C-alpha cells in the first residue's frame, strides 16, 4: 500500500440502559492488551454500516438496534491513514463468547468507560456519543428508488414501477434499513414508493401501510398535514420507515433537520431522524449508490 492509502473501518458505541446512567460496552483485545470500542476493517465491497454491525456482532456476539451516526475519527497507521465511522447501537441481546481477537467485554457506566478506554480517539467518539441524548424514537425518510423516465411511461404516473436499477436500490435499502429494526413501514400511494420498501417489509415480515399524506401532490396542497403525519410516528419506542418523493422529503428535512447543510435527496437515498421527546436531535443522510 502507498502512504496515501486510507484504511476504512467502522464500529459502534453499544449501549444499554442502567441506573443511574447508561452503560457502554468496551472490548479487550489480547493481541494489543487494550480496551476499545468494537470496530473493524471493511471487507471487500462492504458498506460502512454493514461493517459496523458485523464487527459488533463478531466481537461481542450482540444483536443491536442502530440509530444515529456518531461520527468519524482518523489516525495514522502503518498502511497510511485509518478512518473509522461509528454508530450508536442499542444492545438488544448479547451472547459473548471469548475469541482470539476479543477475550473480554465490559459493560461500564459512561464515566468509567471514558477512563478505561486505552485510546484518545475512542474517548473522543464516546464524548460525541454522550453529547446528544440517545433517541427514544427514529423515523427514516426514504426517497423512492429509480423508476425510469416519466416520458417513457405510457400509463398513469402513479402506477409507474421501479426499473432494474430501482430494484437493486430497493434490495440495498432492505439490507441497510433492517439494522434500525423498524416496527412499521409506510409508503405514499405511488407504485414506485410501495415497491421501494416492499423488500424491507418482506424481510421483516411487516406490511406496507399505504398513506396518501406522504405523496408530493398531497404535500404541496397541505404541507403541514404531511409533517404532522411524520411527527406522529415519533413516539417512544417506535421506529418507522416512510417512503416518499423528491419534493416532500427535502422540504421536510429543511423543516425538521438539525444542522443540515443540504437537504438534497437522490432517488434511493434516505434520512434517519433521531427524536427525543418529539424533537429531532440528529438527522443523518445516507446517499444512494
C-alpha atoms as a PDB file:
ATOM      1  CA  UNK A   1       0.000   0.000   0.000  1.00  0.00           C
ATOM      2  CA  UNK A   2       1.118   3.579  -0.652  1.00  0.00           C
ATOM      3  CA  UNK A   3       1.447   6.022   2.283  1.00  0.00           C
ATOM      4  CA  UNK A   4      -1.656   7.840   0.951  1.00  0.00           C
ATOM      5  CA  UNK A   5      -3.877   4.780   1.387  1.00  0.00           C
ATOM      6  CA  UNK A   6      -6.927   5.215   3.620  1.00  0.00           C
ATOM      7  CA  UNK A   7      -7.965   2.125   5.558  1.00  0.00           C
ATOM      8  CA  UNK A   8     -11.725   2.255   6.103  1.00  0.00           C
ATOM      9  CA  UNK A   9     -13.266   0.760   9.226  1.00  0.00           C
ATOM     10  CA  UNK A  10     -16.488   1.008  11.196  1.00  0.00           C
ATOM     11  CA  UNK A  11     -17.835   0.223  14.634  1.00  0.00           C
ATOM     12  CA  UNK A  12     -20.368   1.047  17.303  1.00  0.00           C
ATOM     13  CA  UNK A  13     -20.905   2.733  20.616  1.00  0.00           C
ATOM     14  CA  UNK A  14     -23.016  -0.083  22.017  1.00  0.00           C
ATOM     15  CA  UNK A  15     -25.188   0.947  24.951  1.00  0.00           C
ATOM     16  CA  UNK A  16     -27.825  -0.320  27.314  1.00  0.00           C
ATOM     17  CA  UNK A  17     -29.872   1.372  29.999  1.00  0.00           C
ATOM     18  CA  UNK A  18     -28.685   1.088  33.586  1.00  0.00           C
ATOM     19  CA  UNK A  19     -29.337   3.019  36.760  1.00  0.00           C
ATOM     20  CA  UNK A  20     -28.354   5.819  37.200  1.00  0.00           C
ATOM     21  CA  UNK A  21     -26.706   6.226  33.765  1.00  0.00           C
ATOM     22  CA  UNK A  22     -26.158   4.433  30.506  1.00  0.00           C
ATOM     23  CA  UNK A  23     -23.655   1.638  30.256  1.00  0.00           C
ATOM     24  CA  UNK A  24     -21.467   1.236  27.188  1.00  0.00           C
ATOM     25  CA  UNK A  25     -19.568  -1.831  26.034  1.00  0.00           C
ATOM     26  CA  UNK A  26     -15.782  -1.992  25.740  1.00  0.00           C
ATOM     27  CA  UNK A  27     -13.872  -4.910  24.271  1.00  0.00           C
ATOM     28  CA  UNK A  28     -10.440  -6.218  25.269  1.00  0.00           C
ATOM     29  CA  UNK A  29      -8.033  -7.320  22.547  1.00  0.00           C
ATOM     30  CA  UNK A  30      -5.337  -9.616  23.951  1.00  0.00           C
ATOM     31  CA  UNK A  31      -3.062  -9.025  20.969  1.00  0.00           C
ATOM     32  CA  UNK A  32      -2.711  -5.352  21.981  1.00  0.00           C
ATOM     33  CA  UNK A  33      -3.818  -5.635  25.624  1.00  0.00           C
ATOM     34  CA  UNK A  34      -6.119  -2.643  25.119  1.00  0.00           C
ATOM     35  CA  UNK A  35      -9.717  -1.649  25.836  1.00  0.00           C
ATOM     36  CA  UNK A  36     -11.517  -0.180  22.849  1.00  0.00           C
ATOM     37  CA  UNK A  37     -14.906   0.357  21.270  1.00  0.00           C
ATOM     38  CA  UNK A  38     -15.859  -2.571  18.989  1.00  0.00           C
ATOM     39  CA  UNK A  39     -14.784  -1.859  15.428  1.00  0.00           C
ATOM     40  CA  UNK A  40     -13.016  -3.374  12.442  1.00  0.00           C
ATOM     41  CA  UNK A  41     -11.999  -3.026   8.811  1.00  0.00           C
ATOM     42  CA  UNK A  42     -14.414  -3.283   5.922  1.00  0.00           C
ATOM     43  CA  UNK A  43     -14.482  -6.477   3.891  1.00  0.00           C
ATOM     44  CA  UNK A  44     -14.093  -6.019   0.112  1.00  0.00           C
ATOM     45  CA  UNK A  45     -17.258  -4.478  -1.348  1.00  0.00           C
ATOM     46  CA  UNK A  46     -18.779  -3.901   2.097  1.00  0.00           C
ATOM     47  CA  UNK A  47     -20.527  -0.680   3.100  1.00  0.00           C
ATOM     48  CA  UNK A  48     -19.680   1.133   6.310  1.00  0.00           C
ATOM     49  CA  UNK A  49     -22.944   0.388   8.113  1.00  0.00           C
ATOM     50  CA  UNK A  50     -22.804  -3.296   7.168  1.00  0.00           C
ATOM     51  CA  UNK A  51     -19.263  -3.486   8.526  1.00  0.00           C
ATOM     52  CA  UNK A  52     -20.143  -1.677  11.751  1.00  0.00           C
ATOM     53  CA  UNK A  53     -22.955  -4.087  12.607  1.00  0.00           C
ATOM     54  CA  UNK A  54     -20.953  -7.139  11.529  1.00  0.00           C
ATOM     55  CA  UNK A  55     -17.943  -6.179  13.637  1.00  0.00           C
ATOM     56  CA  UNK A  56     -20.075  -5.572  16.725  1.00  0.00           C
ATOM     57  CA  UNK A  57     -21.740  -8.938  16.227  1.00  0.00           C
ATOM     58  CA  UNK A  58     -18.425 -10.725  15.724  1.00  0.00           C
ATOM     59  CA  UNK A  59     -16.602  -9.068  18.628  1.00  0.00           C
ATOM     60  CA  UNK A  60     -19.450  -9.002  21.167  1.00  0.00           C
ATOM     61  CA  UNK A  61     -21.935 -11.615  19.997  1.00  0.00           C
ATOM     62  CA  UNK A  62     -24.508  -8.818  20.160  1.00  0.00           C
ATOM     63  CA  UNK A  63     -27.713  -8.092  18.286  1.00  0.00           C
ATOM     64  CA  UNK A  64     -28.173  -4.347  18.066  1.00  0.00           C
ATOM     65  CA  UNK A  65     -30.585  -1.633  17.004  1.00  0.00           C
ATOM     66  CA  UNK A  66     -28.812   1.169  15.137  1.00  0.00           C
ATOM     67  CA  UNK A  67     -29.843   4.795  15.495  1.00  0.00           C
ATOM     68  CA  UNK A  68     -27.764   7.882  14.804  1.00  0.00           C
ATOM     69  CA  UNK A  69     -24.336   8.110  13.238  1.00  0.00           C
ATOM     70  CA  UNK A  70     -21.971   9.206  15.988  1.00  0.00           C
ATOM     71  CA  UNK A  71     -19.045  10.408  13.922  1.00  0.00           C
ATOM     72  CA  UNK A  72     -15.733   9.554  12.348  1.00  0.00           C
ATOM     73  CA  UNK A  73     -12.155   9.573  13.590  1.00  0.00           C
ATOM     74  CA  UNK A  74      -8.931   9.419  11.619  1.00  0.00           C
ATOM     75  CA  UNK A  75      -5.458   8.467  12.767  1.00  0.00           C
ATOM     76  CA  UNK A  76      -2.195   7.251  11.239  1.00  0.00           C
ATOM     77  CA  UNK A  77      -1.469   3.540  10.806  1.00  0.00           C
ATOM     78  CA  UNK A  78       1.418   1.771   9.111  1.00  0.00           C
ATOM     79  CA  UNK A  79      -0.590   1.455   5.855  1.00  0.00           C
ATOM     80  CA  UNK A  80      -1.316   5.204   5.741  1.00  0.00           C
ATOM     81  CA  UNK A  81      -4.419   6.669   7.417  1.00  0.00           C
ATOM     82  CA  UNK A  82      -7.287   4.876   9.117  1.00  0.00           C
ATOM     83  CA  UNK A  83     -10.816   6.282   9.005  1.00  0.00           C
ATOM     84  CA  UNK A  84     -13.365   4.770  11.416  1.00  0.00           C
ATOM     85  CA  UNK A  85     -17.069   5.648  11.366  1.00  0.00           C
ATOM     86  CA  UNK A  86     -19.179   4.871  14.434  1.00  0.00           C
ATOM     87  CA  UNK A  87     -22.896   4.448  15.052  1.00  0.00           C
ATOM     88  CA  UNK A  88     -24.929   4.486  18.244  1.00  0.00           C
ATOM     89  CA  UNK A  89     -26.291   0.967  18.794  1.00  0.00           C
ATOM     90  CA  UNK A  90     -28.691  -0.187  21.474  1.00  0.00           C
ATOM     91  CA  UNK A  91     -27.886  -3.701  22.626  1.00  0.00           C
ATOM     92  CA  UNK A  92     -30.917  -5.921  22.087  1.00  0.00           C
ATOM     93  CA  UNK A  93     -29.218  -9.176  23.068  1.00  0.00           C
ATOM     94  CA  UNK A  94     -25.636 -10.193  23.749  1.00  0.00           C
ATOM     95  CA  UNK A  95     -24.148 -13.648  23.909  1.00  0.00           C
ATOM     96  CA  UNK A  96     -20.429 -13.045  24.196  1.00  0.00           C
ATOM     97  CA  UNK A  97     -18.033 -15.935  23.702  1.00  0.00           C
ATOM     98  CA  UNK A  98     -14.293 -15.215  24.197  1.00  0.00           C
ATOM     99  CA  UNK A  99     -12.235 -15.475  21.000  1.00  0.00           C
ATOM    100  CA  UNK A 100      -8.620 -14.974  19.999  1.00  0.00           C
ATOM    101  CA  UNK A 101      -9.362 -11.461  18.745  1.00  0.00           C
ATOM    102  CA  UNK A 102     -11.520 -10.347  21.692  1.00  0.00           C
ATOM    103  CA  UNK A 103     -11.290 -12.178  25.002  1.00  0.00           C
ATOM    104  CA  UNK A 104     -13.440  -9.958  27.254  1.00  0.00           C
ATOM    105  CA  UNK A 105     -16.312  -7.462  27.167  1.00  0.00           C
ATOM    106  CA  UNK A 106     -17.012  -4.976  29.941  1.00  0.00           C
ATOM    107  CA  UNK A 107     -20.244  -3.028  30.430  1.00  0.00           C
ATOM    108  CA  UNK A 108     -19.349   0.198  32.204  1.00  0.00           C
ATOM    109  CA  UNK A 109     -21.059   3.458  33.185  1.00  0.00           C
ATOM    110  CA  UNK A 110     -20.079   6.088  30.646  1.00  0.00           C
ATOM    111  CA  UNK A 111     -17.921   7.995  33.161  1.00  0.00           C
ATOM    112  CA  UNK A 112     -15.935   4.850  33.975  1.00  0.00           C
ATOM    113  CA  UNK A 113     -15.722   3.806  30.332  1.00  0.00           C
ATOM    114  CA  UNK A 114     -14.092   7.106  29.447  1.00  0.00           C
ATOM    115  CA  UNK A 115     -11.174   6.483  31.809  1.00  0.00           C
ATOM    116  CA  UNK A 116     -10.941   2.790  30.919  1.00  0.00           C
ATOM    117  CA  UNK A 117     -10.577   3.278  27.170  1.00  0.00           C
ATOM    118  CA  UNK A 118      -6.972   2.992  26.054  1.00  0.00           C
ATOM    119  CA  UNK A 119      -7.010   5.486  23.168  1.00  0.00           C
ATOM    120  CA  UNK A 120      -7.875   9.179  22.956  1.00  0.00           C
ATOM    121  CA  UNK A 121      -9.631   8.599  19.633  1.00  0.00           C
ATOM    122  CA  UNK A 122     -12.118   6.272  21.306  1.00  0.00           C
ATOM    123  CA  UNK A 123     -12.602   8.771  24.124  1.00  0.00           C
ATOM    124  CA  UNK A 124     -13.430  11.447  21.533  1.00  0.00           C
ATOM    125  CA  UNK A 125     -16.042   9.141  19.989  1.00  0.00           C
ATOM    126  CA  UNK A 126     -17.571   8.441  23.393  1.00  0.00           C
ATOM    127  CA  UNK A 127     -17.688  12.175  24.119  1.00  0.00           C
ATOM    128  CA  UNK A 128     -19.513  12.756  20.817  1.00  0.00           C
ATOM    129  CA  UNK A 129     -21.959   9.980  21.667  1.00  0.00           C
ATOM    130  CA  UNK A 130     -22.691  11.441  25.106  1.00  0.00           C
ATOM    131  CA  UNK A 131     -23.141  14.980  23.728  1.00  0.00           C
ATOM    132  CA  UNK A 132     -26.546  14.006  22.296  1.00  0.00           C
ATOM    133  CA  UNK A 133     -29.261  12.132  24.214  1.00  0.00           C
ATOM    134  CA  UNK A 134     -29.920   8.619  22.988  1.00  0.00           C
ATOM    135  CA  UNK A 135     -33.055   8.721  20.820  1.00  0.00           C
ATOM    136  CA  UNK A 136     -36.350   7.408  22.103  1.00  0.00           C
ATOM    137  CA  UNK A 137     -37.727   7.053  18.560  1.00  0.00           C
ATOM    138  CA  UNK A 138     -36.489   7.069  14.970  1.00  0.00           C
ATOM    139  CA  UNK A 139     -38.199   7.991  11.705  1.00  0.00           C
ATOM    140  CA  UNK A 140     -36.482   7.097   8.434  1.00  0.00           C
ATOM    141  CA  UNK A 141     -37.479   9.082   5.336  1.00  0.00           C
ATOM    142  CA  UNK A 142     -36.720   7.240   2.086  1.00  0.00           C
ATOM    143  CA  UNK A 143     -36.956   8.747  -1.376  1.00  0.00           C
ATOM    144  CA  UNK A 144     -38.333   6.109  -3.704  1.00  0.00           C
ATOM    145  CA  UNK A 145     -35.869   4.208  -5.859  1.00  0.00           C
ATOM    146  CA  UNK A 146     -35.385   4.834  -9.568  1.00  0.00           C
ATOM    147  CA  UNK A 147     -38.429   4.314 -11.761  1.00  0.00           C
ATOM    148  CA  UNK A 148     -37.249   5.309 -15.219  1.00  0.00           C
ATOM    149  CA  UNK A 149     -38.321   8.439 -17.058  1.00  0.00           C
ATOM    150  CA  UNK A 150     -41.859   9.679 -16.822  1.00  0.00           C
ATOM    151  CA  UNK A 151     -41.794  10.377 -20.567  1.00  0.00           C
ATOM    152  CA  UNK A 152     -41.093   6.694 -21.272  1.00  0.00           C
ATOM    153  CA  UNK A 153     -44.111   5.501 -19.276  1.00  0.00           C
ATOM    154  CA  UNK A 154     -47.431   5.395 -21.103  1.00  0.00           C
ATOM    155  CA  UNK A 155     -49.666   4.689 -18.128  1.00  0.00           C
ATOM    156  CA  UNK A 156     -50.835   6.771 -15.193  1.00  0.00           C
ATOM    157  CA  UNK A 157     -47.808   8.232 -13.441  1.00  0.00           C
ATOM    158  CA  UNK A 158     -48.890   6.993 -10.011  1.00  0.00           C
ATOM    159  CA  UNK A 159     -48.544   3.437 -11.371  1.00  0.00           C
ATOM    160  CA  UNK A 160     -45.006   3.866 -12.738  1.00  0.00           C
ATOM    161  CA  UNK A 161     -42.919   0.936 -11.386  1.00  0.00           C
ATOM    162  CA  UNK A 162     -39.262   0.653 -10.455  1.00  0.00           C
ATOM    163  CA  UNK A 163     -36.787  -0.054 -13.204  1.00  0.00           C
ATOM    164  CA  UNK A 164     -33.890  -2.520 -12.888  1.00  0.00           C
ATOM    165  CA  UNK A 165     -31.655  -0.028 -11.108  1.00  0.00           C
ATOM    166  CA  UNK A 166     -34.528   0.835  -8.789  1.00  0.00           C
ATOM    167  CA  UNK A 167     -34.988  -2.812  -7.885  1.00  0.00           C
ATOM    168  CA  UNK A 168     -31.305  -3.043  -6.957  1.00  0.00           C
ATOM    169  CA  UNK A 169     -31.654   0.108  -4.859  1.00  0.00           C
ATOM    170  CA  UNK A 170     -34.695  -1.356  -3.099  1.00  0.00           C
ATOM    171  CA  UNK A 171     -32.725  -4.503  -2.254  1.00  0.00           C
ATOM    172  CA  UNK A 172     -29.905  -2.384  -0.804  1.00  0.00           C
ATOM    173  CA  UNK A 173     -32.393  -0.396   1.253  1.00  0.00           C
ATOM    174  CA  UNK A 174     -33.841  -3.605   2.656  1.00  0.00           C
ATOM    175  CA  UNK A 175     -30.380  -4.708   3.733  1.00  0.00           C
ATOM    176  CA  UNK A 176     -29.399  -1.413   5.382  1.00  0.00           C
ATOM    177  CA  UNK A 177     -32.695  -0.374   6.939  1.00  0.00           C
ATOM    178  CA  UNK A 178     -33.132  -3.676   8.782  1.00  0.00           C
ATOM    179  CA  UNK A 179     -30.308  -2.628  11.115  1.00  0.00           C
ATOM    180  CA  UNK A 180     -32.586   0.087  12.526  1.00  0.00           C
ATOM    181  CA  UNK A 181     -35.223  -2.551  13.397  1.00  0.00           C
ATOM    182  CA  UNK A 182     -38.285  -0.680  12.110  1.00  0.00           C
ATOM    183  CA  UNK A 183     -41.639  -1.693  13.562  1.00  0.00           C
ATOM    184  CA  UNK A 184     -43.773  -0.056  10.868  1.00  0.00           C
ATOM    185  CA  UNK A 185     -43.330   0.750   7.164  1.00  0.00           C
ATOM    186  CA  UNK A 186     -45.321   3.397   5.277  1.00  0.00           C
ATOM    187  CA  UNK A 187     -45.374   4.472   1.645  1.00  0.00           C
ATOM    188  CA  UNK A 188     -47.022   7.166  -0.430  1.00  0.00           C
ATOM    189  CA  UNK A 189     -49.780   5.892  -2.717  1.00  0.00           C
ATOM    190  CA  UNK A 190     -47.435   5.547  -5.677  1.00  0.00           C
ATOM    191  CA  UNK A 191     -46.384   2.173  -7.070  1.00  0.00           C
ATOM    192  CA  UNK A 192     -42.718   3.158  -7.075  1.00  0.00           C
ATOM    193  CA  UNK A 193     -42.879   4.145  -3.387  1.00  0.00           C
ATOM    194  CA  UNK A 194     -44.594   0.911  -2.381  1.00  0.00           C
ATOM    195  CA  UNK A 195     -42.169  -1.212  -4.402  1.00  0.00           C
ATOM    196  CA  UNK A 196     -39.181   0.575  -2.853  1.00  0.00           C
ATOM    197  CA  UNK A 197     -39.989  -0.679   0.653  1.00  0.00           C
ATOM    198  CA  UNK A 198     -41.622  -3.998  -0.196  1.00  0.00           C
ATOM    199  CA  UNK A 199     -38.315  -5.948   0.036  1.00  0.00           C
ATOM    200  CA  UNK A 200     -37.747  -4.480   3.508  1.00  0.00           C
ATOM    201  CA  UNK A 201     -41.273  -5.375   4.578  1.00  0.00           C
ATOM    202  CA  UNK A 202     -40.824  -8.919   3.299  1.00  0.00           C
ATOM    203  CA  UNK A 203     -37.510  -9.297   5.142  1.00  0.00           C
ATOM    204  CA  UNK A 204     -39.078  -8.138   8.417  1.00  0.00           C
ATOM    205  CA  UNK A 205     -42.455  -9.841   7.911  1.00  0.00           C
ATOM    206  CA  UNK A 206     -44.281  -6.497   8.021  1.00  0.00           C
ATOM    207  CA  UNK A 207     -46.988  -4.963   5.859  1.00  0.00           C
ATOM    208  CA  UNK A 208     -46.513  -1.747   3.890  1.00  0.00           C
ATOM    209  CA  UNK A 209     -49.113   0.780   5.036  1.00  0.00           C
ATOM    210  CA  UNK A 210     -50.115   2.992   2.101  1.00  0.00           C
ATOM    211  CA  UNK A 211     -50.627   6.596   3.209  1.00  0.00           C
ATOM    212  CA  UNK A 212     -51.564   9.308   0.643  1.00  0.00           C
ATOM    213  CA  UNK A 213     -50.310  12.043   3.003  1.00  0.00           C
ATOM    214  CA  UNK A 214     -46.713  11.156   2.104  1.00  0.00           C
ATOM    215  CA  UNK A 215     -47.131  11.812  -1.638  1.00  0.00           C
ATOM    216  CA  UNK A 216     -45.801  15.000  -3.235  1.00  0.00           C
ATOM    217  CA  UNK A 217     -49.205  16.015  -4.545  1.00  0.00           C
ATOM    218  CA  UNK A 218     -50.729  15.827  -1.070  1.00  0.00           C
ATOM    219  CA  UNK A 219     -47.738  17.623   0.448  1.00  0.00           C
ATOM    220  CA  UNK A 220     -47.984  20.532  -1.995  1.00  0.00           C
ATOM    221  CA  UNK A 221     -51.661  21.002  -1.097  1.00  0.00           C
ATOM    222  CA  UNK A 222     -51.173  20.630   2.657  1.00  0.00           C
ATOM    223  CA  UNK A 223     -47.521  20.517   3.808  1.00  0.00           C
ATOM    224  CA  UNK A 224     -48.481  20.868   7.455  1.00  0.00           C
ATOM    225  CA  UNK A 225     -50.566  17.704   7.345  1.00  0.00           C
ATOM    226  CA  UNK A 226     -47.671  15.714   5.867  1.00  0.00           C
ATOM    227  CA  UNK A 227     -45.286  16.971   8.526  1.00  0.00           C
ATOM    228  CA  UNK A 228     -47.820  16.142  11.235  1.00  0.00           C
ATOM    229  CA  UNK A 229     -48.134  12.619   9.826  1.00  0.00           C
ATOM    230  CA  UNK A 230     -44.353  12.192  10.054  1.00  0.00           C
ATOM    231  CA  UNK A 231     -44.124  13.615  13.567  1.00  0.00           C
ATOM    232  CA  UNK A 232     -46.950  11.352  14.728  1.00  0.00           C
ATOM    233  CA  UNK A 233     -44.594   8.398  14.185  1.00  0.00           C
ATOM    234  CA  UNK A 234     -42.041   9.748  16.660  1.00  0.00           C
ATOM    235  CA  UNK A 235     -43.431   8.026  19.733  1.00  0.00           C
ATOM    236  CA  UNK A 236     -41.152   6.496  22.400  1.00  0.00           C
ATOM    237  CA  UNK A 237     -40.029   3.014  21.446  1.00  0.00           C
ATOM    238  CA  UNK A 238     -41.112   3.331  17.813  1.00  0.00           C
ATOM    239  CA  UNK A 239     -39.010   3.093  14.663  1.00  0.00           C
ATOM    240  CA  UNK A 240     -40.830   3.866  11.419  1.00  0.00           C
ATOM    241  CA  UNK A 241     -39.879   3.961   7.746  1.00  0.00           C
ATOM    242  CA  UNK A 242     -41.654   6.323   5.335  1.00  0.00           C
ATOM    243  CA  UNK A 243     -41.132   6.151   1.577  1.00  0.00           C
ATOM    244  CA  UNK A 244     -41.981   9.440  -0.092  1.00  0.00           C
ATOM    245  CA  UNK A 245     -40.954  11.565  -3.066  1.00  0.00           C
ATOM    246  CA  UNK A 246     -38.496  14.188  -4.224  1.00  0.00           C
ATOM    247  CA  UNK A 247     -40.429  17.304  -3.265  1.00  0.00           C
ATOM    248  CA  UNK A 248     -41.762  16.307   0.142  1.00  0.00           C
ATOM    249  CA  UNK A 249     -38.587  14.820   1.613  1.00  0.00           C
ATOM    250  CA  UNK A 250     -36.186  17.766   1.091  1.00  0.00           C
ATOM    251  CA  UNK A 251     -38.839  20.167   2.377  1.00  0.00           C
ATOM    252  CA  UNK A 252     -39.418  18.029   5.469  1.00  0.00           C
ATOM    253  CA  UNK A 253     -35.689  17.845   6.103  1.00  0.00           C
ATOM    254  CA  UNK A 254     -35.370  21.622   5.744  1.00  0.00           C
ATOM    255  CA  UNK A 255     -38.071  21.986   8.378  1.00  0.00           C
ATOM    256  CA  UNK A 256     -37.130  19.170  10.742  1.00  0.00           C
ATOM    257  CA  UNK A 257     -33.448  18.520  10.168  1.00  0.00           C
ATOM    258  CA  UNK A 258     -30.940  19.681  12.731  1.00  0.00           C
ATOM    259  CA  UNK A 259     -27.848  21.373  11.340  1.00  0.00           C
ATOM    260  CA  UNK A 260     -28.416  20.025   7.832  1.00  0.00           C
ATOM    261  CA  UNK A 261     -26.443  21.896   5.192  1.00  0.00           C
ATOM    262  CA  UNK A 262     -28.205  20.390   2.191  1.00  0.00           C
ATOM    263  CA  UNK A 263     -31.495  18.533   2.022  1.00  0.00           C
ATOM    264  CA  UNK A 264     -30.854  17.231  -1.489  1.00  0.00           C
ATOM    265  CA  UNK A 265     -32.059  13.630  -1.638  1.00  0.00           C
ATOM    266  CA  UNK A 266     -31.400  11.405  -4.635  1.00  0.00           C
ATOM    267  CA  UNK A 267     -33.649   8.523  -5.590  1.00  0.00           C
ATOM    268  CA  UNK A 268     -32.846   5.598  -3.327  1.00  0.00           C
ATOM    269  CA  UNK A 269     -31.286   7.807  -0.640  1.00  0.00           C
ATOM    270  CA  UNK A 270     -32.647   8.169   2.877  1.00  0.00           C
ATOM    271  CA  UNK A 271     -32.540  10.221   6.071  1.00  0.00           C
ATOM    272  CA  UNK A 272     -32.520   8.892   9.619  1.00  0.00           C
ATOM    273  CA  UNK A 273     -34.202  11.297  12.040  1.00  0.00           C
ATOM    274  CA  UNK A 274     -33.482  10.594  15.703  1.00  0.00           C
ATOM    275  CA  UNK A 275     -36.034  12.009  18.161  1.00  0.00           C
ATOM    276  CA  UNK A 276     -36.081  12.734  21.872  1.00  0.00           C
ATOM    277  CA  UNK A 277     -39.431  13.807  23.350  1.00  0.00           C
ATOM    278  CA  UNK A 278     -40.738  14.561  19.861  1.00  0.00           C
ATOM    279  CA  UNK A 279     -37.824  16.801  18.843  1.00  0.00           C
ATOM    280  CA  UNK A 280     -35.206  15.901  16.236  1.00  0.00           C
ATOM    281  CA  UNK A 281     -31.761  15.610  17.827  1.00  0.00           C
ATOM    282  CA  UNK A 282     -29.928  14.247  14.769  1.00  0.00           C
ATOM    283  CA  UNK A 283     -30.543  13.975  11.024  1.00  0.00           C
ATOM    284  CA  UNK A 284     -28.232  11.602   9.157  1.00  0.00           C
ATOM    285  CA  UNK A 285     -28.153  11.355   5.369  1.00  0.00           C
ATOM    286  CA  UNK A 286     -27.364   8.109   3.518  1.00  0.00           C
ATOM    287  CA  UNK A 287     -26.775   8.563  -0.167  1.00  0.00           C
ATOM    288  CA  UNK A 288     -27.929   6.242  -2.918  1.00  0.00           C
ATOM    289  CA  UNK A 289     -25.463   4.054  -4.770  1.00  0.00           C
END
